Protein backbone atom coordinates (compact mmCIF):
# COMPACT_ATOMS: atom_id res chain seq x y z
CA MET A 1 3.05 -4.78 13.18
CA LYS A 2 5.62 -3.06 10.99
CA TRP A 3 6.89 -6.43 9.77
CA ALA A 4 3.36 -7.62 8.98
CA PHE A 5 2.56 -4.57 6.88
CA SER A 6 5.87 -4.78 5.03
CA GLU A 7 5.06 -8.41 4.19
CA GLY A 8 1.57 -7.34 3.10
CA ALA A 9 3.04 -4.63 0.88
CA SER A 10 5.41 -7.15 -0.69
CA LEU A 11 2.54 -9.51 -1.44
CA PHE A 12 0.45 -6.66 -2.82
CA VAL A 13 3.26 -5.71 -5.19
CA ARG A 14 3.93 -9.31 -6.18
CA HIS A 15 0.33 -10.21 -7.01
CA SER A 16 -1.24 -6.97 -8.24
CA GLU A 17 -0.60 -4.98 -11.40
CA GLU A 18 -1.80 -1.81 -9.69
CA GLY A 19 0.54 -2.54 -6.78
CA GLN A 20 3.49 -2.96 -9.12
CA LYS A 21 2.70 0.34 -10.81
CA MET A 22 2.42 2.14 -7.47
CA ALA A 23 5.63 0.54 -6.19
CA ARG A 24 7.56 1.51 -9.34
CA ARG A 25 6.42 5.11 -8.98
CA LEU A 26 7.42 5.27 -5.30
CA GLN A 27 10.70 3.42 -5.85
CA SER A 28 11.75 5.68 -8.71
CA LYS A 29 11.21 8.70 -6.48
CA HIS A 30 12.52 7.37 -3.13
CA GLY A 31 14.60 4.26 -3.88
CA PRO A 32 13.68 0.56 -3.59
CA SER A 33 13.63 0.10 0.20
CA LYS A 34 12.05 3.43 1.06
CA GLY A 35 9.43 3.03 -1.66
CA LEU A 36 8.31 -0.30 -0.22
CA SER A 37 8.30 1.18 3.30
CA ILE A 38 6.08 4.04 2.16
CA LEU A 39 3.69 1.53 0.58
CA ALA A 40 3.64 -0.53 3.80
CA ALA A 41 2.86 2.57 5.88
CA LYS A 42 0.04 3.49 3.51
CA LEU A 43 -1.34 -0.03 3.85
CA GLY A 44 -1.18 0.27 7.65
CA ARG A 45 -3.07 3.56 7.62
CA SER A 46 -5.71 2.01 5.37
CA VAL A 47 -6.18 -0.97 7.68
CA HIS A 48 -6.47 1.32 10.71
CA HIS A 49 -9.08 3.41 8.90
CA MET A 50 -11.05 0.30 7.91
CA LEU A 51 -11.05 -1.16 11.41
CA SER A 52 -11.79 2.07 13.28
CA ARG A 53 -14.67 3.07 10.99
CA GLU A 54 -15.90 -0.46 10.21
CA LYS A 55 -15.73 0.12 6.46
CA ALA A 56 -14.72 -2.19 3.63
CA PHE A 57 -11.45 -1.81 1.75
CA GLN A 58 -11.74 0.39 -1.34
CA MET A 59 -8.96 -0.24 -3.85
CA GLU A 60 -9.69 2.99 -5.74
CA ARG A 61 -9.18 5.10 -2.62
CA PHE A 62 -6.04 3.18 -1.69
CA LEU A 63 -4.55 3.76 -5.13
CA GLY A 64 -5.61 7.41 -5.11
CA GLN A 65 -7.82 7.15 -8.17
CA ALA A 66 -10.88 9.35 -8.53
CA SER A 67 -14.10 7.36 -8.54
């Protein structure tokens, strides 16, 4: 599962402007590898939340933006 979420985080960063911004912020604070790992863990927690509560993915909540 860890590998799958790290791949998902890489794809999120590669194909999303918001993902690139989030990754840059985390990587500047924690370094390149750790920043991507933090993003992958956040993605894993989001997926667990979605599946356990049967809710749809909300990009604003994932990015931490107030809605």
